[in-house]
Amino acid sequence: MKGAGLLGPLLAKPEAYLVKIQAQYAVNPWIFVLLLLACAPFFYYSIYRLLRALAREERSRVMVWSTVFLASTILPFVYVLAFGRNLPWWVYGVLVLLVGQGVYSLLRKLRGGSSRRSPRA
């Protein structure tokens, strides 16, 4: 038995499903996954730099890295919002909630991090 013969039926169903999603909603799932994977390094690096800037109290750097963090977080979802067609109403609601939660969380961290002053001896 060949390995491809065993995997053929298993891979055919998900591939057909992805083609159906692309045809029905005009969103390419492979582009979405590619955007998620491409944004991951920027996401993690921006967290590192954002925390470092907060620790050093570099306000200008905090804003730069928080912008990179936010952009890398919401880019795949903005792709779906911008190019998706015929999506159910709840998909738009979930995407708006995810983006809104990201913005709210970032603003809350920035306000909390910038107002905290560590006592220096």
N, C-alpha and C. Protein backbone atom coordinates (compact mmCIF):
# COMPACT_ATOMS: atom_id res chain seq x y z
N MET A 1 0.83 -1.19 0.00
CA MET A 1 0.00 0.00 0.00
C MET A 1 0.86 1.25 0.00
N LYS A 2 0.45 2.21 -0.77
CA LYS A 2 1.16 3.48 -0.82
C LYS A 2 0.56 4.44 0.20
N GLY A 3 1.41 5.32 0.75
CA GLY A 3 0.96 6.31 1.72
C GLY A 3 -0.03 7.29 1.12
N ALA A 4 0.18 7.65 -0.15
CA ALA A 4 -0.71 8.62 -0.79
C ALA A 4 -2.11 8.04 -0.94
N GLY A 5 -2.18 6.71 -1.15
CA GLY A 5 -3.49 6.07 -1.27
C GLY A 5 -4.28 6.16 0.02
N LEU A 6 -3.59 6.10 1.14
CA LEU A 6 -4.26 6.21 2.43
C LEU A 6 -4.65 7.64 2.75
N LEU A 7 -3.80 8.57 2.37
CA LEU A 7 -4.06 9.97 2.69
C LEU A 7 -5.01 10.64 1.70
N GLY A 8 -5.14 10.09 0.53
CA GLY A 8 -5.98 10.69 -0.50
C GLY A 8 -7.39 11.01 -0.03
N PRO A 9 -8.12 10.00 0.48
CA PRO A 9 -9.49 10.29 0.96
C PRO A 9 -9.53 11.25 2.15
N LEU A 10 -8.52 11.19 2.99
CA LEU A 10 -8.49 12.09 4.14
C LEU A 10 -8.25 13.53 3.73
N LEU A 11 -7.43 13.74 2.72
CA LEU A 11 -7.12 15.10 2.28
C LEU A 11 -8.15 15.64 1.30
N ALA A 12 -8.89 14.79 0.64
CA ALA A 12 -9.86 15.24 -0.36
C ALA A 12 -11.01 15.99 0.29
N LYS A 13 -11.49 15.51 1.42
CA LYS A 13 -12.64 16.16 2.06
C LYS A 13 -12.31 17.57 2.57
N PRO A 14 -11.19 17.76 3.33
CA PRO A 14 -10.87 19.14 3.75
C PRO A 14 -10.59 20.07 2.57
N GLU A 15 -9.95 19.55 1.55
CA GLU A 15 -9.65 20.39 0.38
C GLU A 15 -10.94 20.82 -0.30
N ALA A 16 -11.89 19.92 -0.42
CA ALA A 16 -13.19 20.26 -1.02
C ALA A 16 -13.91 21.29 -0.16
N TYR A 17 -13.80 21.16 1.15
CA TYR A 17 -14.43 22.11 2.06
C TYR A 17 -13.81 23.50 1.91
N LEU A 18 -12.48 23.56 1.79
CA LEU A 18 -11.80 24.85 1.63
C LEU A 18 -12.16 25.50 0.30
N VAL A 19 -12.29 24.71 -0.73
CA VAL A 19 -12.70 25.24 -2.04
C VAL A 19 -14.12 25.79 -1.94
N LYS A 20 -14.98 25.09 -1.21
CA LYS A 20 -16.36 25.54 -1.04
C LYS A 20 -16.40 26.87 -0.28
N ILE A 21 -15.59 27.00 0.77
CA ILE A 21 -15.53 28.25 1.53
C ILE A 21 -15.08 29.39 0.64
N GLN A 22 -14.06 29.15 -0.16
CA GLN A 22 -13.55 30.20 -1.04
C GLN A 22 -14.61 30.62 -2.05
N ALA A 23 -15.32 29.67 -2.62
CA ALA A 23 -16.35 29.99 -3.62
C ALA A 23 -17.54 30.70 -2.98
N GLN A 24 -17.94 30.26 -1.80
CA GLN A 24 -19.14 30.83 -1.18
C GLN A 24 -18.89 32.19 -0.54
N TYR A 25 -17.74 32.37 0.12
CA TYR A 25 -17.50 33.57 0.90
C TYR A 25 -16.43 34.49 0.32
N ALA A 26 -15.80 34.10 -0.76
CA ALA A 26 -14.76 34.91 -1.43
C ALA A 26 -13.56 35.18 -0.51
N VAL A 27 -13.31 34.27 0.42
CA VAL A 27 -12.16 34.37 1.31
C VAL A 27 -11.31 33.13 1.09
N ASN A 28 -10.07 33.33 0.71
CA ASN A 28 -9.17 32.21 0.50
C ASN A 28 -8.61 31.77 1.85
N PRO A 29 -8.95 30.56 2.30
CA PRO A 29 -8.46 30.11 3.60
C PRO A 29 -6.94 30.01 3.67
N TRP A 30 -6.32 29.72 2.55
CA TRP A 30 -4.85 29.61 2.53
C TRP A 30 -4.21 30.97 2.75
N ILE A 31 -4.79 32.01 2.19
CA ILE A 31 -4.26 33.37 2.42
C ILE A 31 -4.45 33.75 3.88
N PHE A 32 -5.60 33.39 4.46
CA PHE A 32 -5.84 33.68 5.87
C PHE A 32 -4.79 33.00 6.75
N VAL A 33 -4.54 31.72 6.51
CA VAL A 33 -3.53 30.99 7.29
C VAL A 33 -2.15 31.58 7.05
N LEU A 34 -1.85 31.93 5.81
CA LEU A 34 -0.56 32.54 5.50
C LEU A 34 -0.38 33.87 6.25
N LEU A 35 -1.43 34.67 6.31
CA LEU A 35 -1.37 35.92 7.06
C LEU A 35 -1.16 35.67 8.55
N LEU A 36 -1.86 34.66 9.09
CA LEU A 36 -1.67 34.32 10.50
C LEU A 36 -0.22 33.92 10.78
N LEU A 37 0.33 33.07 9.92
CA LEU A 37 1.71 32.61 10.13
C LEU A 37 2.72 33.72 9.89
N ALA A 38 2.46 34.57 8.91
CA ALA A 38 3.39 35.67 8.61
C ALA A 38 3.39 36.71 9.72
N CYS A 39 2.27 36.89 10.38
CA CYS A 39 2.17 37.90 11.45
C CYS A 39 2.71 37.39 12.79
N ALA A 40 2.84 36.09 12.95
CA ALA A 40 3.25 35.52 14.24
C ALA A 40 4.60 36.06 14.73
N PRO A 41 5.65 36.10 13.90
CA PRO A 41 6.92 36.62 14.41
C PRO A 41 6.82 38.10 14.84
N PHE A 42 6.09 38.89 14.08
CA PHE A 42 5.92 40.30 14.43
C PHE A 42 5.12 40.44 15.73
N PHE A 43 4.14 39.57 15.90
CA PHE A 43 3.33 39.57 17.12
C PHE A 43 4.21 39.33 18.34
N TYR A 44 4.98 38.26 18.32
CA TYR A 44 5.79 37.92 19.50
C TYR A 44 6.94 38.91 19.72
N TYR A 45 7.55 39.35 18.64
CA TYR A 45 8.64 40.32 18.79
C TYR A 45 8.11 41.66 19.31
N SER A 46 6.93 42.05 18.86
CA SER A 46 6.37 43.31 19.34
C SER A 46 5.99 43.22 20.81
N ILE A 47 5.55 42.06 21.27
CA ILE A 47 5.27 41.91 22.71
C ILE A 47 6.56 42.10 23.51
N TYR A 48 7.62 41.46 23.05
CA TYR A 48 8.92 41.59 23.73
C TYR A 48 9.36 43.05 23.78
N ARG A 49 9.31 43.73 22.63
CA ARG A 49 9.76 45.12 22.58
C ARG A 49 8.82 46.05 23.34
N LEU A 50 7.54 45.75 23.33
CA LEU A 50 6.57 46.57 24.06
C LEU A 50 6.82 46.47 25.57
N LEU A 51 7.02 45.26 26.06
CA LEU A 51 7.30 45.09 27.49
C LEU A 51 8.61 45.75 27.88
N ARG A 52 9.60 45.65 27.01
CA ARG A 52 10.89 46.29 27.28
C ARG A 52 10.75 47.81 27.32
N ALA A 53 9.98 48.36 26.39
CA ALA A 53 9.77 49.81 26.37
C ALA A 53 8.98 50.26 27.60
N LEU A 54 8.01 49.47 28.03
CA LEU A 54 7.26 49.81 29.24
C LEU A 54 8.17 49.77 30.46
N ALA A 55 9.04 48.78 30.53
CA ALA A 55 9.95 48.68 31.68
C ALA A 55 10.92 49.85 31.72
N ARG A 56 11.34 50.32 30.56
CA ARG A 56 12.28 51.44 30.49
C ARG A 56 11.57 52.79 30.44
N GLU A 57 10.25 52.76 30.44
CA GLU A 57 9.42 53.97 30.39
C GLU A 57 9.72 54.84 29.17
N GLU A 58 9.86 54.19 28.03
CA GLU A 58 10.09 54.90 26.77
C GLU A 58 8.75 55.04 26.05
N ARG A 59 8.08 56.14 26.31
CA ARG A 59 6.72 56.33 25.79
C ARG A 59 6.66 56.30 24.27
N SER A 60 7.62 56.88 23.59
CA SER A 60 7.57 56.89 22.13
C SER A 60 7.72 55.47 21.57
N ARG A 61 8.56 54.68 22.19
CA ARG A 61 8.74 53.29 21.76
C ARG A 61 7.51 52.44 22.09
N VAL A 62 6.86 52.76 23.19
CA VAL A 62 5.65 52.02 23.56
C VAL A 62 4.60 52.18 22.46
N MET A 63 4.43 53.38 21.97
CA MET A 63 3.43 53.63 20.93
C MET A 63 3.79 52.92 19.63
N VAL A 64 5.06 52.92 19.27
CA VAL A 64 5.49 52.25 18.03
C VAL A 64 5.22 50.76 18.13
N TRP A 65 5.66 50.13 19.21
CA TRP A 65 5.52 48.68 19.33
C TRP A 65 4.09 48.25 19.62
N SER A 66 3.31 49.11 20.23
CA SER A 66 1.91 48.77 20.42
C SER A 66 1.16 48.81 19.08
N THR A 67 1.56 49.70 18.21
CA THR A 67 0.97 49.75 16.88
C THR A 67 1.33 48.50 16.07
N VAL A 68 2.58 48.08 16.15
CA VAL A 68 3.00 46.85 15.47
C VAL A 68 2.25 45.65 16.03
N PHE A 69 2.10 45.61 17.36
CA PHE A 69 1.37 44.53 18.01
C PHE A 69 -0.08 44.47 17.52
N LEU A 70 -0.74 45.61 17.52
CA LEU A 70 -2.13 45.65 17.10
C LEU A 70 -2.29 45.26 15.63
N ALA A 71 -1.41 45.78 14.78
CA ALA A 71 -1.50 45.47 13.35
C ALA A 71 -1.28 43.98 13.10
N SER A 72 -0.31 43.39 13.78
CA SER A 72 -0.05 41.97 13.56
C SER A 72 -1.16 41.10 14.14
N THR A 73 -1.89 41.61 15.09
CA THR A 73 -2.99 40.85 15.67
C THR A 73 -4.22 40.86 14.78
N ILE A 74 -4.56 41.99 14.21
CA ILE A 74 -5.83 42.11 13.49
C ILE A 74 -5.73 41.94 11.98
N LEU A 75 -4.53 41.89 11.42
CA LEU A 75 -4.40 41.83 9.96
C LEU A 75 -5.17 40.67 9.32
N PRO A 76 -5.05 39.43 9.80
CA PRO A 76 -5.82 38.35 9.16
C PRO A 76 -7.33 38.57 9.23
N PHE A 77 -7.80 39.15 10.32
CA PHE A 77 -9.23 39.39 10.46
C PHE A 77 -9.70 40.55 9.59
N VAL A 78 -8.86 41.52 9.41
CA VAL A 78 -9.19 42.62 8.49
C VAL A 78 -9.30 42.09 7.06
N TYR A 79 -8.45 41.12 6.71
CA TYR A 79 -8.55 40.47 5.39
C TYR A 79 -9.94 39.86 5.20
N VAL A 80 -10.43 39.16 6.20
CA VAL A 80 -11.76 38.54 6.10
C VAL A 80 -12.83 39.62 6.01
N LEU A 81 -12.72 40.67 6.82
CA LEU A 81 -13.72 41.75 6.77
C LEU A 81 -13.70 42.48 5.44
N ALA A 82 -12.50 42.68 4.88
CA ALA A 82 -12.39 43.45 3.64
C ALA A 82 -12.82 42.66 2.41
N PHE A 83 -12.49 41.37 2.36
CA PHE A 83 -12.71 40.61 1.13
C PHE A 83 -13.83 39.58 1.24
N GLY A 84 -14.32 39.32 2.43
CA GLY A 84 -15.38 38.33 2.59
C GLY A 84 -16.71 38.83 2.05
N ARG A 85 -17.41 37.93 1.40
CA ARG A 85 -18.74 38.24 0.86
C ARG A 85 -19.71 37.16 1.33
N ASN A 86 -20.94 37.53 1.54
CA ASN A 86 -22.00 36.59 1.91
C ASN A 86 -21.72 35.88 3.23
N LEU A 87 -20.94 36.51 4.10
CA LEU A 87 -20.66 35.90 5.39
C LEU A 87 -21.89 36.03 6.28
N PRO A 88 -22.13 35.05 7.15
CA PRO A 88 -23.25 35.18 8.09
C PRO A 88 -23.04 36.41 8.99
N TRP A 89 -24.11 36.99 9.48
CA TRP A 89 -24.01 38.20 10.29
C TRP A 89 -23.17 37.98 11.53
N TRP A 90 -23.22 36.78 12.11
CA TRP A 90 -22.49 36.53 13.35
C TRP A 90 -20.98 36.51 13.13
N VAL A 91 -20.54 36.22 11.92
CA VAL A 91 -19.10 36.24 11.63
C VAL A 91 -18.59 37.68 11.74
N TYR A 92 -19.34 38.63 11.18
CA TYR A 92 -18.95 40.03 11.31
C TYR A 92 -18.92 40.45 12.78
N GLY A 93 -19.92 40.00 13.54
CA GLY A 93 -19.96 40.33 14.96
C GLY A 93 -18.76 39.77 15.72
N VAL A 94 -18.41 38.52 15.45
CA VAL A 94 -17.25 37.91 16.12
C VAL A 94 -15.97 38.64 15.74
N LEU A 95 -15.81 38.96 14.46
CA LEU A 95 -14.59 39.65 14.03
C LEU A 95 -14.49 41.04 14.64
N VAL A 96 -15.60 41.75 14.69
CA VAL A 96 -15.59 43.08 15.31
C VAL A 96 -15.28 42.97 16.80
N LEU A 97 -15.84 41.96 17.46
CA LEU A 97 -15.54 41.75 18.88
C LEU A 97 -14.06 41.42 19.11
N LEU A 98 -13.49 40.58 18.25
CA LEU A 98 -12.07 40.23 18.39
C LEU A 98 -11.18 41.45 18.21
N VAL A 99 -11.45 42.22 17.18
CA VAL A 99 -10.64 43.42 16.93
C VAL A 99 -10.86 44.43 18.06
N GLY A 100 -12.09 44.62 18.46
CA GLY A 100 -12.38 45.56 19.54
C GLY A 100 -11.74 45.14 20.85
N GLN A 101 -11.77 43.85 21.16
CA GLN A 101 -11.14 43.35 22.38
C GLN A 101 -9.64 43.57 22.33
N GLY A 102 -9.04 43.39 21.16
CA GLY A 102 -7.60 43.63 21.02
C GLY A 102 -7.25 45.09 21.26
N VAL A 103 -8.02 45.98 20.70
CA VAL A 103 -7.78 47.41 20.88
C VAL A 103 -7.99 47.80 22.34
N TYR A 104 -9.08 47.32 22.95
CA TYR A 104 -9.37 47.63 24.35
C TYR A 104 -8.28 47.10 25.27
N SER A 105 -7.86 45.86 25.04
CA SER A 105 -6.82 45.26 25.88
C SER A 105 -5.51 46.02 25.76
N LEU A 106 -5.17 46.41 24.55
CA LEU A 106 -3.93 47.15 24.34
C LEU A 106 -3.99 48.51 25.03
N LEU A 107 -5.08 49.21 24.87
CA LEU A 107 -5.22 50.52 25.52
C LEU A 107 -5.18 50.41 27.03
N ARG A 108 -5.82 49.37 27.57
CA ARG A 108 -5.81 49.17 29.01
C ARG A 108 -4.40 48.88 29.51
N LYS A 109 -3.65 48.07 28.79
CA LYS A 109 -2.27 47.77 29.18
C LYS A 109 -1.39 49.01 29.09
N LEU A 110 -1.60 49.80 28.04
CA LEU A 110 -0.79 51.00 27.88
C LEU A 110 -1.09 52.01 29.00
N ARG A 111 -2.34 52.17 29.33
CA ARG A 111 -2.69 53.11 30.42
C ARG A 111 -2.17 52.61 31.75
N GLY A 112 -2.29 51.33 32.00
CA GLY A 112 -1.81 50.75 33.25
C GLY A 112 -0.29 50.77 33.31
N GLY A 113 0.38 50.50 32.20
CA GLY A 113 1.84 50.47 32.18
C GLY A 113 2.46 51.84 32.25
N SER A 114 1.81 52.85 31.66
CA SER A 114 2.38 54.18 31.67
C SER A 114 2.12 54.90 32.99
N SER A 115 1.06 54.49 33.72
CA SER A 115 0.77 55.18 34.98
C SER A 115 1.52 54.56 36.14
N ARG A 116 2.03 53.34 35.95
CA ARG A 116 2.78 52.68 37.02
C ARG A 116 4.18 53.26 37.10
N ARG A 117 4.55 53.66 38.24
CA ARG A 117 5.91 54.17 38.46
C ARG A 117 6.54 53.31 39.55
N SER A 118 7.65 52.73 39.23
CA SER A 118 8.31 51.91 40.24
C SER A 118 9.20 52.80 41.11
N PRO A 119 9.10 52.63 42.43
CA PRO A 119 9.93 53.46 43.31
C PRO A 119 11.39 53.07 43.16
N ARG A 120 12.22 54.07 43.04
CA ARG A 120 13.66 53.83 42.90
C ARG A 120 14.36 54.31 44.14
N ALA A 121 15.23 53.47 44.63
CA ALA A 121 15.94 53.81 45.86
C ALA A 121 17.23 54.53 45.57
